[in-house]
Structures are given as C-alpha cells and as structure tokens.
Amino acid sequence: MKIFVFKTNIDSHLEMSILASIFMNLKGIVRWSVDMQDVDRVLKVVTLEDHNEIEFIRVIRSQGISCDVLPD
C-alpha cells in the first residue's frame, strides 16, 4: 500500500466531484480524502497499485486544480 500526500487549491463541491470521478477511473485506489480545514487543502490518496506522484499531479492539473507534492 502506498500513500500520496498533495497540496491543492480545492475549495468547492464541484472540485471534489471532479476528484471523485478521477479516482473512480483509476485502478487500485483504496481511499482518498481532502482536508478542507487545512490551509493547504491536503489531498491524501491511498493506493494498492503502482501509481506515482507525477501521474496524480498530471491528471488533477489537467482538470484545472492546483496539485503539488506536500513535503514531509
């Protein structure tokens, strides 16, 4: 199992719906969440498949949502 953590600019239900659509179409996503209370709108993705950060960033940014790796 792999956990990915990103800083985003998600601030609406529409953007959450876009993310839901993205993750429904990706294989091996166990769960995902966005902390809307955090100033960085932290997106956490847990996966069983061999995904990588670049893949998630590319797909999310293609939908007009800012997404960057959140440093440890």
PDB file of N, CA and C in Angstrom:
ATOM      1  N   MET A   1       0.855  -1.175   0.000  1.00  0.00           N
ATOM      2  CA  MET A   1       0.000   0.000   0.000  1.00  0.00           C
ATOM      3  C   MET A   1       0.901   1.238   0.000  1.00  0.00           C
ATOM      4  N   LYS A   2       0.512   2.219  -0.812  1.00  0.00           N
ATOM      5  CA  LYS A   2       1.256   3.462  -0.911  1.00  0.00           C
ATOM      6  C   LYS A   2       0.350   4.633  -0.564  1.00  0.00           C
ATOM      7  N   ILE A   3       0.911   5.628   0.118  1.00  0.00           N
ATOM      8  CA  ILE A   3       0.163   6.823   0.482  1.00  0.00           C
ATOM      9  C   ILE A   3       0.828   8.026  -0.166  1.00  0.00           C
ATOM     10  N   PHE A   4       0.017   8.819  -0.860  1.00  0.00           N
ATOM     11  CA  PHE A   4       0.484  10.037  -1.510  1.00  0.00           C
ATOM     12  C   PHE A   4      -0.198  11.224  -0.846  1.00  0.00           C
ATOM     13  N   VAL A   5       0.571  12.307  -0.642  1.00  0.00           N
ATOM     14  CA  VAL A   5       0.027  13.497   0.015  1.00  0.00           C
ATOM     15  C   VAL A   5       0.357  14.718  -0.844  1.00  0.00           C
ATOM     16  N   PHE A   6      -0.678  15.510  -1.136  1.00  0.00           N
ATOM     17  CA  PHE A   6      -0.528  16.655  -2.029  1.00  0.00           C
ATOM     18  C   PHE A   6      -1.128  17.918  -1.429  1.00  0.00           C
ATOM     19  N   LYS A   7      -0.553  19.044  -1.815  1.00  0.00           N
ATOM     20  CA  LYS A   7      -1.113  20.363  -1.526  1.00  0.00           C
ATOM     21  C   LYS A   7      -1.971  20.730  -2.729  1.00  0.00           C
ATOM     22  N   THR A   8      -3.211  21.182  -2.492  1.00  0.00           N
ATOM     23  CA  THR A   8      -4.112  21.537  -3.590  1.00  0.00           C
ATOM     24  C   THR A   8      -4.769  22.885  -3.314  1.00  0.00           C
ATOM     25  N   ASN A   9      -5.599  23.314  -4.258  1.00  0.00           N
ATOM     26  CA  ASN A   9      -6.389  24.534  -4.056  1.00  0.00           C
ATOM     27  C   ASN A   9      -7.890  24.217  -4.088  1.00  0.00           C
ATOM     28  N   ILE A  10      -8.238  22.994  -3.767  1.00  0.00           N
ATOM     29  CA  ILE A  10      -9.639  22.561  -3.804  1.00  0.00           C
ATOM     30  C   ILE A  10     -10.456  23.355  -2.785  1.00  0.00           C
ATOM     31  N   ASP A  11     -11.559  23.957  -3.265  1.00  0.00           N
ATOM     32  CA  ASP A  11     -12.390  24.726  -2.336  1.00  0.00           C
ATOM     33  C   ASP A  11     -13.878  24.661  -2.664  1.00  0.00           C
ATOM     34  N   SER A  12     -14.274  23.654  -3.455  1.00  0.00           N
ATOM     35  CA  SER A  12     -15.703  23.571  -3.783  1.00  0.00           C
ATOM     36  C   SER A  12     -16.142  22.115  -3.932  1.00  0.00           C
ATOM     37  N   HIS A  13     -17.453  21.937  -3.862  1.00  0.00           N
ATOM     38  CA  HIS A  13     -18.017  20.598  -4.055  1.00  0.00           C
ATOM     39  C   HIS A  13     -17.819  20.131  -5.492  1.00  0.00           C
ATOM     40  N   LEU A  14     -17.811  21.073  -6.421  1.00  0.00           N
ATOM     41  CA  LEU A  14     -17.574  20.719  -7.825  1.00  0.00           C
ATOM     42  C   LEU A  14     -16.188  20.104  -7.995  1.00  0.00           C
ATOM     43  N   GLU A  15     -15.188  20.711  -7.387  1.00  0.00           N
ATOM     44  CA  GLU A  15     -13.825  20.163  -7.485  1.00  0.00           C
ATOM     45  C   GLU A  15     -13.725  18.812  -6.783  1.00  0.00           C
ATOM     46  N   MET A  16     -14.449  18.647  -5.692  1.00  0.00           N
ATOM     47  CA  MET A  16     -14.476  17.341  -5.025  1.00  0.00           C
ATOM     48  C   MET A  16     -15.110  16.296  -5.940  1.00  0.00           C
ATOM     49  N   SER A  17     -16.144  16.675  -6.663  1.00  0.00           N
ATOM     50  CA  SER A  17     -16.790  15.760  -7.616  1.00  0.00           C
ATOM     51  C   SER A  17     -15.842  15.391  -8.750  1.00  0.00           C
ATOM     52  N   ILE A  18     -15.060  16.362  -9.202  1.00  0.00           N
ATOM     53  CA  ILE A  18     -14.064  16.092 -10.241  1.00  0.00           C
ATOM     54  C   ILE A  18     -13.057  15.073  -9.739  1.00  0.00           C
ATOM     55  N   LEU A  19     -12.581  15.256  -8.510  1.00  0.00           N
ATOM     56  CA  LEU A  19     -11.639  14.290  -7.930  1.00  0.00           C
ATOM     57  C   LEU A  19     -12.269  12.905  -7.817  1.00  0.00           C
ATOM     58  N   ALA A  20     -13.507  12.844  -7.376  1.00  0.00           N
ATOM     59  CA  ALA A  20     -14.195  11.557  -7.247  1.00  0.00           C
ATOM     60  C   ALA A  20     -14.226  10.843  -8.586  1.00  0.00           C
ATOM     61  N   SER A  21     -14.509  11.574  -9.639  1.00  0.00           N
ATOM     62  CA  SER A  21     -14.541  10.999 -10.982  1.00  0.00           C
ATOM     63  C   SER A  21     -13.163  10.490 -11.393  1.00  0.00           C
ATOM     64  N   ILE A  22     -12.140  11.276 -11.108  1.00  0.00           N
ATOM     65  CA  ILE A  22     -10.768  10.866 -11.436  1.00  0.00           C
ATOM     66  C   ILE A  22     -10.424   9.565 -10.730  1.00  0.00           C
ATOM     67  N   PHE A  23     -10.667   9.513  -9.427  1.00  0.00           N
ATOM     68  CA  PHE A  23     -10.250   8.352  -8.650  1.00  0.00           C
ATOM     69  C   PHE A  23     -11.105   7.118  -8.911  1.00  0.00           C
ATOM     70  N   MET A  24     -12.346   7.310  -9.339  1.00  0.00           N
ATOM     71  CA  MET A  24     -13.180   6.161  -9.708  1.00  0.00           C
ATOM     72  C   MET A  24     -12.636   5.473 -10.968  1.00  0.00           C
ATOM     73  N   ASN A  25     -11.962   6.233 -11.810  1.00  0.00           N
ATOM     74  CA  ASN A  25     -11.443   5.700 -13.064  1.00  0.00           C
ATOM     75  C   ASN A  25     -10.012   5.187 -12.974  1.00  0.00           C
ATOM     76  N   LEU A  26      -9.390   5.330 -11.823  1.00  0.00           N
ATOM     77  CA  LEU A  26      -8.034   4.819 -11.634  1.00  0.00           C
ATOM     78  C   LEU A  26      -8.082   3.502 -10.864  1.00  0.00           C
ATOM     79  N   LYS A  27      -7.328   2.558 -11.333  1.00  0.00           N
ATOM     80  CA  LYS A  27      -7.277   1.238 -10.712  1.00  0.00           C
ATOM     81  C   LYS A  27      -6.521   1.282  -9.384  1.00  0.00           C
ATOM     82  N   GLY A  28      -7.024   0.533  -8.418  1.00  0.00           N
ATOM     83  CA  GLY A  28      -6.286   0.315  -7.176  1.00  0.00           C
ATOM     84  C   GLY A  28      -6.362   1.411  -6.134  1.00  0.00           C
ATOM     85  N   ILE A  29      -7.251   2.379  -6.309  1.00  0.00           N
ATOM     86  CA  ILE A  29      -7.390   3.431  -5.295  1.00  0.00           C
ATOM     87  C   ILE A  29      -8.198   2.860  -4.129  1.00  0.00           C
ATOM     88  N   VAL A  30      -7.588   2.829  -2.960  1.00  0.00           N
ATOM     89  CA  VAL A  30      -8.255   2.296  -1.769  1.00  0.00           C
ATOM     90  C   VAL A  30      -9.166   3.360  -1.163  1.00  0.00           C
ATOM     91  N   ARG A  31      -8.608   4.564  -0.983  1.00  0.00           N
ATOM     92  CA  ARG A  31      -9.406   5.681  -0.466  1.00  0.00           C
ATOM     93  C   ARG A  31      -8.657   6.987  -0.740  1.00  0.00           C
ATOM     94  N   TRP A  32      -9.394   8.058  -0.652  1.00  0.00           N
ATOM     95  CA  TRP A  32      -8.815   9.387  -0.816  1.00  0.00           C
ATOM     96  C   TRP A  32      -9.619  10.369   0.020  1.00  0.00           C
ATOM     97  N   SER A  33      -8.980  11.455   0.399  1.00  0.00           N
ATOM     98  CA  SER A  33      -9.670  12.469   1.192  1.00  0.00           C
ATOM     99  C   SER A  33      -8.990  13.819   0.997  1.00  0.00           C
ATOM    100  N   VAL A  34      -9.752  14.870   1.244  1.00  0.00           N
ATOM    101  CA  VAL A  34      -9.225  16.229   1.208  1.00  0.00           C
ATOM    102  C   VAL A  34      -9.555  16.880   2.538  1.00  0.00           C
ATOM    103  N   ASP A  35      -8.546  17.422   3.190  1.00  0.00           N
ATOM    104  CA  ASP A  35      -8.752  18.150   4.441  1.00  0.00           C
ATOM    105  C   ASP A  35      -9.064  19.601   4.091  1.00  0.00           C
ATOM    106  N   MET A  36     -10.342  19.932   4.039  1.00  0.00           N
ATOM    107  CA  MET A  36     -10.780  21.269   3.657  1.00  0.00           C
ATOM    108  C   MET A  36     -10.499  22.310   4.751  1.00  0.00           C
ATOM    109  N   GLN A  37     -10.186  21.861   5.962  1.00  0.00           N
ATOM    110  CA  GLN A  37      -9.890  22.778   7.056  1.00  0.00           C
ATOM    111  C   GLN A  37      -8.433  23.230   7.041  1.00  0.00           C
ATOM    112  N   ASP A  38      -7.577  22.457   6.388  1.00  0.00           N
ATOM    113  CA  ASP A  38      -6.147  22.767   6.316  1.00  0.00           C
ATOM    114  C   ASP A  38      -5.910  23.855   5.270  1.00  0.00           C
ATOM    115  N   VAL A  39      -5.039  24.786   5.565  1.00  0.00           N
ATOM    116  CA  VAL A  39      -4.734  25.874   4.640  1.00  0.00           C
ATOM    117  C   VAL A  39      -4.197  25.342   3.305  1.00  0.00           C
ATOM    118  N   ASP A  40      -3.556  24.174   3.309  1.00  0.00           N
ATOM    119  CA  ASP A  40      -3.007  23.559   2.096  1.00  0.00           C
ATOM    120  C   ASP A  40      -3.995  22.644   1.387  1.00  0.00           C
ATOM    121  N   ARG A  41      -5.225  22.550   1.887  1.00  0.00           N
ATOM    122  CA  ARG A  41      -6.248  21.674   1.279  1.00  0.00           C
ATOM    123  C   ARG A  41      -5.622  20.320   0.929  1.00  0.00           C
ATOM    124  N   VAL A  42      -5.108  19.661   1.951  1.00  0.00           N
ATOM    125  CA  VAL A  42      -4.316  18.446   1.778  1.00  0.00           C
ATOM    126  C   VAL A  42      -5.153  17.298   1.210  1.00  0.00           C
ATOM    127  N   LEU A  43      -4.676  16.778   0.086  1.00  0.00           N
ATOM    128  CA  LEU A  43      -5.265  15.606  -0.560  1.00  0.00           C
ATOM    129  C   LEU A  43      -4.404  14.404  -0.207  1.00  0.00           C
ATOM    130  N   LYS A  44      -5.043  13.374   0.346  1.00  0.00           N
ATOM    131  CA  LYS A  44      -4.341  12.129   0.672  1.00  0.00           C
ATOM    132  C   LYS A  44      -4.960  11.012  -0.160  1.00  0.00           C
ATOM    133  N   VAL A  45      -4.093  10.246  -0.839  1.00  0.00           N
ATOM    134  CA  VAL A  45      -4.545   9.148  -1.687  1.00  0.00           C
ATOM    135  C   VAL A  45      -3.838   7.872  -1.240  1.00  0.00           C
ATOM    136  N   VAL A  46      -4.616   6.838  -0.982  1.00  0.00           N
ATOM    137  CA  VAL A  46      -4.070   5.535  -0.598  1.00  0.00           C
ATOM    138  C   VAL A  46      -4.358   4.575  -1.748  1.00  0.00           C
ATOM    139  N   THR A  47      -3.317   3.897  -2.209  1.00  0.00           N
ATOM    140  CA  THR A  47      -3.471   3.026  -3.364  1.00  0.00           C
ATOM    141  C   THR A  47      -2.742   1.700  -3.192  1.00  0.00           C
ATOM    142  N   LEU A  48      -3.254   0.672  -3.866  1.00  0.00           N
ATOM    143  CA  LEU A  48      -2.603  -0.636  -3.900  1.00  0.00           C
ATOM    144  C   LEU A  48      -1.778  -0.804  -5.166  1.00  0.00           C
ATOM    145  N   GLU A  49      -2.117  -0.035  -6.182  1.00  0.00           N
ATOM    146  CA  GLU A  49      -1.448  -0.152  -7.479  1.00  0.00           C
ATOM    147  C   GLU A  49      -0.154   0.648  -7.498  1.00  0.00           C
ATOM    148  N   ASP A  50       0.613   0.427  -8.547  1.00  0.00           N
ATOM    149  CA  ASP A  50       1.905   1.084  -8.714  1.00  0.00           C
ATOM    150  C   ASP A  50       1.729   2.438  -9.391  1.00  0.00           C
ATOM    151  N   HIS A  51       1.109   3.377  -8.698  1.00  0.00           N
ATOM    152  CA  HIS A  51       0.952   4.732  -9.207  1.00  0.00           C
ATOM    153  C   HIS A  51       2.157   5.554  -8.758  1.00  0.00           C
ATOM    154  N   ASN A  52       2.298   6.741  -9.340  1.00  0.00           N
ATOM    155  CA  ASN A  52       3.350   7.641  -8.874  1.00  0.00           C
ATOM    156  C   ASN A  52       2.806   9.065  -8.779  1.00  0.00           C
ATOM    157  N   GLU A  53       3.554   9.907  -8.086  1.00  0.00           N
ATOM    158  CA  GLU A  53       3.105  11.275  -7.824  1.00  0.00           C
ATOM    159  C   GLU A  53       2.864  12.058  -9.108  1.00  0.00           C
ATOM    160  N   ILE A  54       3.749  11.883 -10.074  1.00  0.00           N
ATOM    161  CA  ILE A  54       3.648  12.614 -11.334  1.00  0.00           C
ATOM    162  C   ILE A  54       2.323  12.305 -12.037  1.00  0.00           C
ATOM    163  N   GLU A  55       1.930  11.048 -12.014  1.00  0.00           N
ATOM    164  CA  GLU A  55       0.663  10.625 -12.640  1.00  0.00           C
ATOM    165  C   GLU A  55      -0.519  11.364 -12.015  1.00  0.00           C
ATOM    166  N   PHE A  56      -0.577  11.385 -10.684  1.00  0.00           N
ATOM    167  CA  PHE A  56      -1.683  12.063  -9.995  1.00  0.00           C
ATOM    168  C   PHE A  56      -1.669  13.561 -10.292  1.00  0.00           C
ATOM    169  N   ILE A  57      -0.501  14.173 -10.205  1.00  0.00           N
ATOM    170  CA  ILE A  57      -0.386  15.616 -10.446  1.00  0.00           C
ATOM    171  C   ILE A  57      -0.851  15.958 -11.858  1.00  0.00           C
ATOM    172  N   ARG A  58      -0.407  15.197 -12.837  1.00  0.00           N
ATOM    173  CA  ARG A  58      -0.772  15.458 -14.235  1.00  0.00           C
ATOM    174  C   ARG A  58      -2.285  15.390 -14.440  1.00  0.00           C
ATOM    175  N   VAL A  59      -2.905  14.334 -13.933  1.00  0.00           N
ATOM    176  CA  VAL A  59      -4.347  14.138 -14.124  1.00  0.00           C
ATOM    177  C   VAL A  59      -5.147  15.213 -13.393  1.00  0.00           C
ATOM    178  N   ILE A  60      -4.762  15.537 -12.186  1.00  0.00           N
ATOM    179  CA  ILE A  60      -5.500  16.535 -11.396  1.00  0.00           C
ATOM    180  C   ILE A  60      -5.336  17.927 -12.002  1.00  0.00           C
ATOM    181  N   ARG A  61      -4.120  18.272 -12.384  1.00  0.00           N
ATOM    182  CA  ARG A  61      -3.884  19.583 -13.006  1.00  0.00           C
ATOM    183  C   ARG A  61      -4.617  19.717 -14.333  1.00  0.00           C
ATOM    184  N   SER A  62      -4.779  18.618 -15.043  1.00  0.00           N
ATOM    185  CA  SER A  62      -5.482  18.678 -16.336  1.00  0.00           C
ATOM    186  C   SER A  62      -6.944  19.105 -16.165  1.00  0.00           C
ATOM    187  N   GLN A  63      -7.445  19.019 -14.931  1.00  0.00           N
ATOM    188  CA  GLN A  63      -8.812  19.431 -14.627  1.00  0.00           C
ATOM    189  C   GLN A  63      -8.877  20.843 -14.027  1.00  0.00           C
ATOM    190  N   GLY A  64      -7.747  21.552 -14.072  1.00  0.00           N
ATOM    191  CA  GLY A  64      -7.708  22.934 -13.592  1.00  0.00           C
ATOM    192  C   GLY A  64      -7.534  23.085 -12.095  1.00  0.00           C
ATOM    193  N   ILE A  65      -7.134  22.003 -11.433  1.00  0.00           N
ATOM    194  CA  ILE A  65      -6.927  22.027  -9.983  1.00  0.00           C
ATOM    195  C   ILE A  65      -5.432  22.034  -9.711  1.00  0.00           C
ATOM    196  N   SER A  66      -4.993  22.943  -8.868  1.00  0.00           N
ATOM    197  CA  SER A  66      -3.588  23.003  -8.488  1.00  0.00           C
ATOM    198  C   SER A  66      -3.246  21.783  -7.638  1.00  0.00           C
ATOM    199  N   CYS A  67      -2.087  21.183  -7.899  1.00  0.00           N
ATOM    200  CA  CYS A  67      -1.694  19.984  -7.159  1.00  0.00           C
ATOM    201  C   CYS A  67      -0.175  19.873  -7.157  1.00  0.00           C
ATOM    202  N   ASP A  68       0.388  19.816  -5.969  1.00  0.00           N
ATOM    203  CA  ASP A  68       1.842  19.677  -5.798  1.00  0.00           C
ATOM    204  C   ASP A  68       2.100  18.719  -4.640  1.00  0.00           C
ATOM    205  N   VAL A  69       3.242  18.038  -4.716  1.00  0.00           N
ATOM    206  CA  VAL A  69       3.636  17.149  -3.628  1.00  0.00           C
ATOM    207  C   VAL A  69       3.822  17.979  -2.372  1.00  0.00           C
ATOM    208  N   LEU A  70       3.280  17.499  -1.274  1.00  0.00           N
ATOM    209  CA  LEU A  70       3.449  18.166   0.013  1.00  0.00           C
ATOM    210  C   LEU A  70       4.673  17.548   0.692  1.00  0.00           C
ATOM    211  N   PRO A  71       5.716  18.348   0.907  1.00  0.00           N
ATOM    212  CA  PRO A  71       6.930  17.792   1.533  1.00  0.00           C
ATOM    213  C   PRO A  71       6.639  17.253   2.936  1.00  0.00           C
ATOM    214  N   ASP A  72       7.406  16.253   3.319  1.00  0.00           N
ATOM    215  CA  ASP A  72       7.258  15.628   4.654  1.00  0.00           C
ATOM    216  C   ASP A  72       7.492  16.591   5.764  1.00  0.00           C
TER     217      ASP A  72
END
